[in-house]
């Protein structure tokens, strides 16, 4: 697995929120904003951060949210809060609001990667075989994804911001959830469902996609991989990931794809936003150091799905990556003609 440890934390970087208390001092606890109750941020990663901090007598609690976009906004409102976000979503919001880089610190972003997926129907497989074809036809395609506040929607907007072909996509529908977006493609109401997720092929969503004989379209091209933010760090890394579990491949689809992935970032407010000389300021600075110093394994889920996911991730060879990127280039050129 390719891991990114960023130096951004040294220099940079909406809705009612239901609290789920994981600490004994509920009134004194600071929040860790995650995502929905069914999501991995809330159920798997957030509690581990709470556990690491509690060992050093810090009181934090996991709270639900609408996802990466809201988590960034919550940290902007409360600099002592912790937020979990896709690194590319943070980069996108910072590009839209430069003051974000002055207010937010990335504590670390080496714990896990989330990957970019696009799916379409089997009947579209030949015409939409890779991201070059998708961007080439973008103006006419119907895209579906989760809510506009979701990390997936924010990622899509970032991709549009540097891809002039994808920027022409005007038939973009934001839906209640990623599963709703997938349903729209299955039912013929959309051509492409786009989402960002941990590459866990045992997840029920992947089982459903395979049962519906959906085609996975790798979301990768040279422009995506060239994206750099703050101190030259990459926003995306190419990984070979599984899209089906053993025994689930019941048609002529693929077992693995090479797609772009973005790190999960743990963010908080810059210490100088907390009153100088106060206990709160000292605690905030020490909290950052505690999380940065924590062994990687203490922040990674011990569950079988996560460990299996790590085992399945493969760093793409230079030759394999070039072959995939050339196919994308050829497809984009073919559509343009």
Foldseek 3Di string as FASTA:
>chain_A
DDFDWDPLLVQFAADDKDWDAPFDPVVPAAEEEAADPPDCRQPFQVVLLQVLVVVVPHHHTYIHDHEAQHQLVVQQVPQLYKYKHFRVLRVLVCVVPVCRGVWKGFLTFGQAKKFKWKKAAPVCCVQQVAVLSCLLCQLPFAEEEEACSYRFVSNLVSVLVQRVSNVNRPNYDHHHHLVVRVVCRLVVVGGMYIDIGQQQLVDVVLLVCQVSVMAIYAADAPRQQCDADDPRDHQWAWKKGASHDPPSNPDPYDGIDIHIITTITIMGTDLVVDDPPDPSSVVSVVSSVSVSPDPSVSSHGPDPRRVVRVVRIDHDDPVRVVVVNVVSVVSNVVSVD
